[in-house]
Amino acid sequence: MMPAKVVIFGGSGFVGSCLAGRLAARGVQVTVPTRRPESRKSLALLPGVRLLAADSHDPLTLNELIGDADAVINLVGILHDRDGSAPYGKRFAAAHVELPRRIVAAMRSTGVRRLLHMSALKASVDAPSAYLRSKAAGEAVVLDPANGLEVTVFRPSVIFGPGDAFLNLFAGLLATAPFLPLAGADTRFQPVYVGDVADAFCAALNNSETIGRVYELGGPASYRLRDLVAYVGQLTGHARPVCGLPYFLARLQAGILGLLPNPPMSPDNLRSLQVDSVTDGLHVFPGWQPQSLEAVAPTYLKPFTARSRLDELRRHSGR
């Protein structure tokens, strides 16, 4: 049975905003804690969605938030951490390991049992990147049988859709660059539509058979990164040569870009590109019929100009 009240950690982000809307449309009361509610005004306007200023890392706050819910969804994830400590840095630890541990503790304290957790495709304790290793550690925390919780874990490939930070990133780069030097050009991805991911979460909440399971979410086809970039160029009217970089040049590029405040690539991102982000076909969500990239991307990737890129950045910053 669909829970009446759900709290979504990470609910103000790309996936979370879509999921909050889908749940609210099903009559669920959704609470989204965030440190910056003023920057997510459009989300607050959705009927049935409550945007709450809160520090999700504070144990007392977590107890208050979770104690009023029937189910909890954790979507929190970050892509960058300059701390090179092994097996992962402090920011990855805080977001991907310690927060899930605090959420689990609050759920046990308040008696709330149902938890849906967002991980990442190819998360593993021996993965090449700190990001993937920290995601694996977070999985281990929430799936520990000693918790006594009813947990479902999702591992998506790269997620696309209106407002994404993946295809739109390349659209912006292609609008200004005469050619694109690309790290990990032959790494394969299985892009999955954000609406399909949100629908899977909604379906899992209403299906007790998903409890204790780990599901991999990918689209109907896989692509090399260079082919995805070329496709974005075709859609936006900015087809450019894509030059795959040898690894030593890719490391140099990632090291330089990683110094930026919000880098499009970092050394750890590059290490993630050492493994293909494709599903194994063994962890398929029940009834999974994802939409194709070709069916969705043309609806929001249109001729892209420097001005449209500026407008997009302003929209995401709430300005």
Protein backbone atom coordinates (compact mmCIF):
# COMPACT_ATOMS: atom_id res chain seq x y z
CA MET A 1 0.00 0.00 0.00
CA MET A 2 1.27 3.45 -0.89
CA PRO A 3 2.41 5.32 2.24
CA ALA A 4 0.52 8.50 3.12
CA LYS A 5 3.55 10.53 4.20
CA VAL A 6 7.06 10.38 2.75
CA VAL A 7 10.19 12.39 3.54
CA ILE A 8 12.73 12.72 0.72
CA PHE A 9 16.33 13.54 1.58
CA GLY A 10 17.90 15.10 -1.49
CA GLY A 11 14.39 15.90 -2.68
CA SER A 12 15.27 19.37 -3.95
CA GLY A 13 17.66 18.03 -6.60
CA PHE A 14 17.14 16.89 -10.17
CA VAL A 15 15.71 13.44 -9.42
CA GLY A 16 14.11 14.48 -6.16
CA SER A 17 12.06 17.28 -7.69
CA CYS A 18 10.65 14.90 -10.29
CA LEU A 19 9.96 12.22 -7.68
CA ALA A 20 8.27 14.68 -5.29
CA GLY A 21 5.93 15.74 -8.07
CA ARG A 22 5.10 12.14 -9.02
CA LEU A 23 4.36 11.20 -5.41
CA ALA A 24 2.26 14.30 -4.79
CA ALA A 25 0.22 13.50 -7.91
CA ARG A 26 -0.56 10.14 -6.29
CA GLY A 27 -1.90 11.85 -3.18
CA VAL A 28 1.19 11.36 -1.01
CA GLN A 29 2.17 14.10 1.42
CA VAL A 30 5.84 14.83 0.71
CA THR A 31 8.33 16.59 2.98
CA VAL A 32 11.57 17.81 1.43
CA PRO A 33 14.19 19.06 3.93
CA THR A 34 16.75 21.46 2.47
CA ARG A 35 19.18 24.05 3.70
CA ARG A 36 18.13 26.51 0.96
CA PRO A 37 14.33 26.43 0.55
CA GLU A 38 14.35 29.88 -1.06
CA SER A 39 16.18 28.47 -4.10
CA ARG A 40 13.53 25.80 -4.74
CA LYS A 41 10.37 27.92 -4.91
CA SER A 42 8.88 25.99 -7.82
CA LEU A 43 9.01 22.78 -5.78
CA ALA A 44 7.24 24.44 -2.86
CA LEU A 45 4.35 25.38 -5.15
CA LEU A 46 3.47 21.73 -5.82
CA PRO A 47 0.28 20.69 -3.98
CA GLY A 48 1.11 18.18 -1.27
CA VAL A 49 4.82 19.07 -1.11
CA ARG A 50 6.24 20.75 2.00
CA LEU A 51 9.67 22.33 1.63
CA LEU A 52 11.30 22.58 5.05
CA ALA A 53 14.45 24.43 6.09
CA ALA A 54 16.46 21.82 7.97
CA ASP A 55 19.91 20.37 8.55
CA SER A 56 19.52 16.73 7.57
CA HIS A 57 22.80 15.79 9.26
CA ASP A 58 21.52 16.77 12.72
CA PRO A 59 20.28 13.67 14.64
CA LEU A 60 17.51 15.52 16.52
CA THR A 61 16.26 17.09 13.30
CA LEU A 62 16.30 13.69 11.60
CA ASN A 63 14.19 12.19 14.37
CA GLU A 64 11.62 14.98 14.00
CA LEU A 65 11.50 14.67 10.22
CA ILE A 66 11.32 10.89 10.09
CA GLY A 67 9.02 10.43 13.07
CA ASP A 68 6.19 12.06 11.11
CA ALA A 69 6.67 9.87 8.01
CA ASP A 70 5.49 6.46 6.86
CA ALA A 71 8.47 5.96 4.54
CA VAL A 72 11.86 7.54 3.85
CA ILE A 73 13.66 8.08 0.55
CA ASN A 74 17.35 8.96 0.45
CA LEU A 75 18.59 10.47 -2.82
CA VAL A 76 21.55 12.41 -1.44
CA GLY A 77 24.66 12.23 -3.58
CA ILE A 78 27.63 14.39 -4.51
CA LEU A 79 30.09 13.95 -7.37
CA HIS A 80 33.20 15.72 -6.10
CA ASP A 81 35.53 15.49 -3.11
CA ARG A 82 39.02 16.98 -3.18
CA ASP A 83 40.03 14.91 -0.15
CA GLY A 84 42.07 12.04 -1.56
CA SER A 85 41.98 9.91 1.58
CA ALA A 86 41.49 6.16 1.17
CA PRO A 87 39.03 4.59 0.61
CA TYR A 88 37.16 7.90 0.11
CA GLY A 89 37.31 11.47 1.32
CA LYS A 90 35.45 13.30 4.07
CA ARG A 91 32.76 14.82 1.83
CA PHE A 92 31.95 11.48 0.23
CA ALA A 93 31.92 9.87 3.68
CA ALA A 94 29.55 12.50 5.08
CA ALA A 95 27.08 12.40 2.17
CA HIS A 96 27.16 8.74 1.14
CA VAL A 97 27.96 6.87 4.36
CA GLU A 98 27.40 8.94 7.50
CA LEU A 99 24.07 10.44 6.41
CA PRO A 100 22.59 7.01 5.57
CA ARG A 101 23.87 5.78 8.95
CA ARG A 102 22.12 8.68 10.72
CA ILE A 103 18.94 8.11 8.71
CA VAL A 104 18.94 4.43 9.69
CA ALA A 105 19.48 5.34 13.35
CA ALA A 106 16.60 7.82 13.26
CA MET A 107 14.33 5.27 11.59
CA ARG A 108 15.13 2.68 14.24
CA SER A 109 14.54 5.27 16.97
CA THR A 110 11.18 6.39 15.60
CA GLY A 111 9.90 3.01 14.42
CA VAL A 112 9.68 3.92 10.72
CA ARG A 113 10.72 0.89 8.69
CA ARG A 114 10.38 1.54 4.95
CA LEU A 115 13.46 2.99 3.22
CA LEU A 116 14.29 3.53 -0.45
CA HIS A 117 17.93 4.35 -1.10
CA MET A 118 19.66 5.72 -4.20
CA SER A 119 23.07 4.23 -4.91
CA ALA A 120 24.99 4.19 -8.21
CA LEU A 121 25.56 1.67 -10.96
CA LYS A 122 28.88 -0.18 -10.47
CA ALA A 123 29.17 0.81 -6.82
CA SER A 124 31.68 -1.60 -5.27
CA VAL A 125 34.15 -1.72 -2.40
CA ASP A 126 36.95 -2.30 -4.92
CA ALA A 127 35.73 0.20 -7.55
CA PRO A 128 38.38 2.46 -9.11
CA SER A 129 36.85 5.71 -7.82
CA ALA A 130 36.23 7.02 -4.32
CA TYR A 131 32.71 8.03 -5.41
CA LEU A 132 31.74 4.46 -6.28
CA ARG A 133 33.46 3.02 -3.19
CA SER A 134 31.59 5.43 -0.92
CA LYS A 135 28.29 4.59 -2.61
CA ALA A 136 28.98 0.90 -1.95
CA ALA A 137 29.67 1.68 1.71
CA GLY A 138 26.34 3.50 1.93
CA GLU A 139 24.57 0.47 0.49
CA ALA A 140 26.16 -1.74 3.13
CA VAL A 141 24.90 0.58 5.86
CA VAL A 142 21.26 0.57 4.78
CA LEU A 143 21.13 -3.13 3.86
CA ASP A 144 22.55 -4.38 7.15
CA PRO A 145 19.98 -6.96 8.39
CA ALA A 146 20.61 -5.88 11.96
CA ASN A 147 18.77 -2.63 11.21
CA GLY A 148 15.45 -4.40 10.94
CA LEU A 149 14.33 -2.10 8.13
CA GLU A 150 12.45 -2.75 4.88
CA VAL A 151 14.94 -1.47 2.32
CA THR A 152 15.02 -1.22 -1.47
CA VAL A 153 18.19 0.02 -3.21
CA PHE A 154 18.37 1.48 -6.70
CA ARG A 155 21.52 1.71 -8.80
CA PRO A 156 20.90 3.95 -11.83
CA SER A 157 23.20 4.66 -14.74
CA VAL A 158 23.53 8.31 -15.73
CA ILE A 159 20.12 10.03 -15.53
CA PHE A 160 18.86 12.40 -18.21
CA GLY A 161 15.84 14.65 -18.64
CA PRO A 162 14.88 18.33 -18.73
CA GLY A 163 17.31 20.27 -16.54
CA ASP A 164 19.85 17.45 -16.29
CA ALA A 165 23.54 18.10 -15.64
CA PHE A 166 24.68 15.52 -18.18
CA LEU A 167 23.39 16.13 -21.70
CA ASN A 168 22.92 19.84 -20.96
CA LEU A 169 26.55 20.07 -19.89
CA PHE A 170 27.74 18.84 -23.27
CA ALA A 171 25.22 21.05 -25.04
CA GLY A 172 26.77 24.08 -23.37
CA LEU A 173 30.32 23.01 -24.18
CA LEU A 174 29.51 22.26 -27.81
CA ALA A 175 27.85 25.65 -28.24
CA THR A 176 31.17 27.42 -27.73
CA ALA A 177 33.99 24.95 -28.46
CA PRO A 178 35.28 24.35 -32.03
CA PHE A 179 35.99 20.73 -31.01
CA LEU A 180 35.66 18.72 -27.82
CA PRO A 181 38.62 16.88 -26.22
CA LEU A 182 36.88 14.11 -24.30
CA ALA A 183 38.13 11.93 -21.46
CA GLY A 184 36.67 8.44 -21.25
CA ALA A 185 35.33 8.74 -24.78
CA ASP A 186 34.82 5.00 -25.19
CA THR A 187 33.24 4.38 -21.78
CA ARG A 188 29.72 3.03 -22.20
CA PHE A 189 26.63 4.44 -20.50
CA GLN A 190 23.03 3.28 -20.37
CA PRO A 191 21.22 6.61 -19.89
CA VAL A 192 17.92 6.37 -18.04
CA TYR A 193 15.11 8.93 -18.12
CA VAL A 194 14.48 10.75 -14.85
CA GLY A 195 10.73 10.15 -15.10
CA ASP A 196 11.30 6.39 -15.33
CA VAL A 197 13.55 6.49 -12.27
CA ALA A 198 10.91 8.44 -10.33
CA ASP A 199 8.21 5.99 -11.40
CA ALA A 200 10.33 3.06 -10.21
CA PHE A 201 10.63 4.64 -6.76
CA CYS A 202 6.87 5.24 -6.64
CA ALA A 203 6.15 1.66 -7.72
CA ALA A 204 8.55 0.23 -5.13
CA LEU A 205 6.79 2.10 -2.33
CA ASN A 206 3.59 0.34 -3.35
CA ASN A 207 5.14 -3.14 -3.79
CA SER A 208 6.31 -5.10 -0.76
CA GLU A 209 8.03 -7.65 -3.02
CA THR A 210 10.78 -5.09 -3.70
CA ILE A 211 11.86 -5.11 -0.05
CA GLY A 212 15.40 -6.39 0.43
CA ARG A 213 16.21 -6.08 -3.26
CA VAL A 214 18.84 -4.12 -5.22
CA TYR A 215 17.76 -2.94 -8.67
CA GLU A 216 19.87 -1.61 -11.53
CA LEU A 217 18.18 1.07 -13.63
CA GLY A 218 19.28 1.69 -17.18
CA GLY A 219 17.69 2.75 -20.43
CA PRO A 220 16.92 0.40 -23.33
CA ALA A 221 20.31 0.96 -25.03
CA SER A 222 23.95 1.63 -24.19
CA TYR A 223 26.21 4.16 -25.93
CA ARG A 224 29.83 5.20 -25.95
CA LEU A 225 30.30 8.60 -24.35
CA ARG A 226 31.67 9.99 -27.64
CA ASP A 227 28.46 8.93 -29.41
CA LEU A 228 26.28 10.57 -26.78
CA VAL A 229 28.20 13.82 -27.19
CA ALA A 230 27.90 13.63 -30.97
CA TYR A 231 24.15 13.06 -30.66
CA VAL A 232 23.81 16.12 -28.42
CA GLY A 233 25.67 18.14 -31.06
CA GLN A 234 23.25 16.99 -33.75
CA LEU A 235 20.19 17.86 -31.67
CA THR A 236 21.44 21.31 -30.69
CA GLY A 237 22.79 22.30 -34.08
CA HIS A 238 26.38 22.37 -32.84
CA ALA A 239 27.96 19.23 -34.27
CA ARG A 240 31.67 19.31 -33.43
CA PRO A 241 34.56 16.88 -33.78
CA VAL A 242 34.92 14.75 -30.65
CA CYS A 243 38.54 13.89 -29.86
CA GLY A 244 39.02 11.03 -27.42
CA LEU A 245 41.96 11.72 -25.11
CA PRO A 246 44.62 9.16 -24.22
CA TYR A 247 44.65 8.47 -20.51
CA PHE A 248 47.70 10.60 -19.66
CA LEU A 249 46.10 13.64 -21.32
CA ALA A 250 42.75 12.83 -19.73
CA ARG A 251 44.45 12.85 -16.32
CA LEU A 252 45.96 16.25 -17.06
CA GLN A 253 42.60 17.62 -18.21
CA ALA A 254 40.78 16.22 -15.16
CA GLY A 255 43.42 17.61 -12.82
CA ILE A 256 43.05 21.12 -14.24
CA LEU A 257 39.25 21.06 -14.42
CA GLY A 258 39.08 19.61 -10.92
CA LEU A 259 40.46 22.89 -9.54
CA LEU A 260 37.31 24.76 -10.63
CA PRO A 261 34.64 25.55 -7.99
CA ASN A 262 32.06 23.31 -9.71
CA PRO A 263 34.18 21.15 -12.01
CA PRO A 264 32.72 19.39 -15.06
CA MET A 265 35.39 16.72 -14.55
CA SER A 266 37.69 15.71 -11.70
CA PRO A 267 40.38 13.05 -11.28
CA ASP A 268 37.92 10.90 -9.34
CA ASN A 269 35.28 11.28 -12.08
CA LEU A 270 37.91 10.07 -14.53
CA ARG A 271 38.53 7.00 -12.39
CA SER A 272 34.78 6.28 -12.46
CA LEU A 273 35.01 6.26 -16.25
CA GLN A 274 37.28 3.20 -16.07
CA VAL A 275 34.17 1.03 -15.73
CA ASP A 276 31.19 0.96 -18.11
CA SER A 277 27.99 2.24 -16.51
CA VAL A 278 25.74 -0.48 -17.93
CA THR A 279 23.39 -2.91 -16.22
CA ASP A 280 24.13 -6.62 -15.85
CA GLY A 281 20.62 -7.77 -16.77
CA LEU A 282 20.28 -9.66 -13.48
CA HIS A 283 18.79 -6.94 -11.28
CA VAL A 284 15.83 -5.76 -13.34
CA PHE A 285 13.02 -3.82 -11.70
CA PRO A 286 9.59 -5.51 -12.08
CA GLY A 287 7.79 -4.31 -15.20
CA TRP A 288 10.73 -2.13 -16.23
CA GLN A 289 10.05 -0.54 -19.64
CA PRO A 290 12.21 2.59 -19.85
CA GLN A 291 11.83 5.27 -22.49
CA SER A 292 14.61 5.67 -25.00
CA LEU A 293 17.03 8.55 -25.14
CA GLU A 294 15.92 9.29 -28.69
CA ALA A 295 12.29 9.63 -27.59
CA VAL A 296 12.97 12.15 -24.83
CA ALA A 297 16.15 14.13 -25.49
CA PRO A 298 14.81 15.97 -28.58
CA THR A 299 11.98 17.39 -26.46
CA TYR A 300 14.36 19.52 -24.41
CA LEU A 301 17.66 19.64 -26.29
CA LYS A 302 17.08 22.26 -28.95
CA PRO A 303 19.41 24.62 -30.83
CA PHE A 304 21.64 25.76 -28.00
CA THR A 305 23.21 29.21 -27.87
CA ALA A 306 25.48 30.89 -25.36
CA ARG A 307 22.45 32.95 -24.31
CA SER A 308 20.31 29.86 -23.73
CA ARG A 309 23.15 28.37 -21.67
CA LEU A 310 23.19 31.49 -19.49
CA ASP A 311 19.42 31.30 -19.05
CA GLU A 312 19.75 27.64 -18.06
CA LEU A 313 22.37 28.43 -15.43
CA ARG A 314 20.24 31.22 -14.03
CA ARG A 315 17.22 28.94 -13.82
CA HIS A 316 19.16 26.33 -11.85
CA SER A 317 20.55 28.96 -9.49
CA GLY A 318 17.05 30.31 -8.80
CA ARG A 319 17.81 33.73 -10.26
